[in-house]
Amino acid sequence: MRCARRLWAHWQRPRGIWDRSIDRVTRVVRLGVFMATSGDFFDQPRVADAASDLFRDVFGADKMAVRLVIGVASLPLGMPVELEVIFEVAR
């Protein structure tokens, strides 16, 4: 899923004032996937599996938590997919 890959690419950018070290992530607390879909599309969970698979591959299955998948009529700025990711980060 391109959306999850872009989030990952953003995390990998050179570090500035904020420490974005991936090593500090202790778990994925929540992964929310919102998709703009028509009323006759029912495979939202299957599409969201790509984001779940990416985070599971990076952090491990034991660091995954809950996932929320919702199909909506539209998203801001005409985006097809929106991810809400909450990470637990060690100090």
C-alpha atoms as a PDB file:
ATOM      1  CA  MET A   1       0.000   0.000   0.000  1.00  0.00           C
ATOM      2  CA  ARG A   2       1.544   3.264  -1.140  1.00  0.00           C
ATOM      3  CA  CYS A   3       0.233   5.163   1.870  1.00  0.00           C
ATOM      4  CA  ALA A   4       2.097   2.931   4.337  1.00  0.00           C
ATOM      5  CA  ARG A   5       5.250   3.055   2.232  1.00  0.00           C
ATOM      6  CA  ARG A   6       5.155   6.856   2.202  1.00  0.00           C
ATOM      7  CA  LEU A   7       4.828   6.918   5.976  1.00  0.00           C
ATOM      8  CA  TRP A   8       7.841   4.606   6.181  1.00  0.00           C
ATOM      9  CA  ALA A   9       9.807   6.792   3.758  1.00  0.00           C
ATOM     10  CA  HIS A  10       8.999   9.876   5.831  1.00  0.00           C
ATOM     11  CA  TRP A  11      10.319   8.126   8.937  1.00  0.00           C
ATOM     12  CA  GLN A  12      13.567   7.327   7.123  1.00  0.00           C
ATOM     13  CA  ARG A  13      14.314  10.961   6.202  1.00  0.00           C
ATOM     14  CA  PRO A  14      17.425  12.537   7.665  1.00  0.00           C
ATOM     15  CA  ARG A  15      16.962  13.388  11.306  1.00  0.00           C
ATOM     16  CA  GLY A  16      16.548  16.988  12.314  1.00  0.00           C
ATOM     17  CA  ILE A  17      15.552  18.370  15.676  1.00  0.00           C
ATOM     18  CA  TRP A  18      13.193  15.428  16.222  1.00  0.00           C
ATOM     19  CA  ASP A  19      14.757  12.025  16.822  1.00  0.00           C
ATOM     20  CA  ARG A  20      12.916   9.662  14.501  1.00  0.00           C
ATOM     21  CA  SER A  21      14.975   6.594  15.312  1.00  0.00           C
ATOM     22  CA  ILE A  22      13.027   3.478  14.373  1.00  0.00           C
ATOM     23  CA  ASP A  23      14.859   1.639  17.145  1.00  0.00           C
ATOM     24  CA  ARG A  24      12.856   3.586  19.724  1.00  0.00           C
ATOM     25  CA  VAL A  25       9.503   2.158  18.560  1.00  0.00           C
ATOM     26  CA  THR A  26       8.402  -0.435  21.095  1.00  0.00           C
ATOM     27  CA  ARG A  27       5.096  -1.297  19.405  1.00  0.00           C
ATOM     28  CA  VAL A  28       2.362  -0.231  17.033  1.00  0.00           C
ATOM     29  CA  VAL A  29      -0.488   0.729  19.351  1.00  0.00           C
ATOM     30  CA  ARG A  30      -3.090   1.307  16.664  1.00  0.00           C
ATOM     31  CA  LEU A  31      -3.340   1.227  12.897  1.00  0.00           C
ATOM     32  CA  GLY A  32      -6.387   2.951  11.449  1.00  0.00           C
ATOM     33  CA  VAL A  33      -7.042   2.640   7.715  1.00  0.00           C
ATOM     34  CA  PHE A  34      -9.700   4.848   6.148  1.00  0.00           C
ATOM     35  CA  MET A  35     -10.553   4.279   2.476  1.00  0.00           C
ATOM     36  CA  ALA A  36     -12.751   6.243   0.124  1.00  0.00           C
ATOM     37  CA  THR A  37     -14.853   3.500  -1.473  1.00  0.00           C
ATOM     38  CA  SER A  38     -18.181   3.081  -3.168  1.00  0.00           C
ATOM     39  CA  GLY A  39     -21.132   1.462  -1.438  1.00  0.00           C
ATOM     40  CA  ASP A  40     -20.728  -1.820  -3.322  1.00  0.00           C
ATOM     41  CA  PHE A  41     -17.079  -2.420  -2.308  1.00  0.00           C
ATOM     42  CA  PHE A  42     -16.639  -4.718   0.692  1.00  0.00           C
ATOM     43  CA  ASP A  43     -12.942  -5.743   0.583  1.00  0.00           C
ATOM     44  CA  GLN A  44     -11.558  -2.879   2.682  1.00  0.00           C
ATOM     45  CA  PRO A  45      -9.886  -5.286   5.140  1.00  0.00           C
ATOM     46  CA  ARG A  46      -8.069  -7.046   2.313  1.00  0.00           C
ATOM     47  CA  VAL A  47      -6.741  -3.731   0.983  1.00  0.00           C
ATOM     48  CA  ALA A  48      -5.652  -2.708   4.504  1.00  0.00           C
ATOM     49  CA  ASP A  49      -3.708  -5.953   4.875  1.00  0.00           C
ATOM     50  CA  ALA A  50      -0.872  -4.364   2.871  1.00  0.00           C
ATOM     51  CA  ALA A  51      -0.312  -1.712   5.560  1.00  0.00           C
ATOM     52  CA  SER A  52      -0.581  -4.298   8.338  1.00  0.00           C
ATOM     53  CA  ASP A  53       1.877  -6.581   6.545  1.00  0.00           C
ATOM     54  CA  LEU A  54       4.412  -3.762   6.139  1.00  0.00           C
ATOM     55  CA  PHE A  55       4.347  -2.811   9.832  1.00  0.00           C
ATOM     56  CA  ARG A  56       4.374  -6.473  10.917  1.00  0.00           C
ATOM     57  CA  ASP A  57       7.409  -7.131   8.707  1.00  0.00           C
ATOM     58  CA  VAL A  58       9.244  -4.094  10.096  1.00  0.00           C
ATOM     59  CA  PHE A  59       8.364  -4.366  13.793  1.00  0.00           C
ATOM     60  CA  GLY A  60       7.378  -8.032  14.217  1.00  0.00           C
ATOM     61  CA  ALA A  61       4.014  -9.652  14.895  1.00  0.00           C
ATOM     62  CA  ASP A  62       4.484  -9.368  18.665  1.00  0.00           C
ATOM     63  CA  LYS A  63       4.607  -5.551  18.413  1.00  0.00           C
ATOM     64  CA  MET A  64       1.319  -5.170  16.532  1.00  0.00           C
ATOM     65  CA  ALA A  65      -1.873  -4.179  18.290  1.00  0.00           C
ATOM     66  CA  VAL A  66      -5.331  -3.237  17.078  1.00  0.00           C
ATOM     67  CA  ARG A  67      -6.361  -2.362  13.556  1.00  0.00           C
ATOM     68  CA  LEU A  68      -9.377  -0.377  12.477  1.00  0.00           C
ATOM     69  CA  VAL A  69     -10.560  -0.443   8.848  1.00  0.00           C
ATOM     70  CA  ILE A  70     -13.342   1.855   7.664  1.00  0.00           C
ATOM     71  CA  GLY A  71     -14.729   2.572   4.214  1.00  0.00           C
ATOM     72  CA  VAL A  72     -15.959   6.161   3.833  1.00  0.00           C
ATOM     73  CA  ALA A  73     -17.651   8.166   1.066  1.00  0.00           C
ATOM     74  CA  SER A  74     -14.770  10.665   0.809  1.00  0.00           C
ATOM     75  CA  LEU A  75     -11.580  11.790   2.519  1.00  0.00           C
ATOM     76  CA  PRO A  76      -9.972  15.244   2.851  1.00  0.00           C
ATOM     77  CA  LEU A  77      -8.290  16.642  -0.272  1.00  0.00           C
ATOM     78  CA  GLY A  78      -9.652  13.783  -2.367  1.00  0.00           C
ATOM     79  CA  MET A  79      -7.188  11.273  -0.922  1.00  0.00           C
ATOM     80  CA  PRO A  80      -8.093   7.614  -1.560  1.00  0.00           C
ATOM     81  CA  VAL A  81      -6.535   6.296   1.674  1.00  0.00           C
ATOM     82  CA  GLU A  82      -5.693   7.785   5.052  1.00  0.00           C
ATOM     83  CA  LEU A  83      -3.611   6.041   7.708  1.00  0.00           C
ATOM     84  CA  GLU A  84      -3.743   6.783  11.398  1.00  0.00           C
ATOM     85  CA  VAL A  85      -0.788   5.172  13.134  1.00  0.00           C
ATOM     86  CA  ILE A  86      -0.031   5.435  16.830  1.00  0.00           C
ATOM     87  CA  PHE A  87       3.392   4.180  17.883  1.00  0.00           C
ATOM     88  CA  GLU A  88       4.630   3.554  21.403  1.00  0.00           C
ATOM     89  CA  VAL A  89       8.132   5.037  21.599  1.00  0.00           C
ATOM     90  CA  ALA A  90      10.754   4.504  24.296  1.00  0.00           C
ATOM     91  CA  ARG A  91      12.373   7.589  25.779  1.00  0.00           C
END
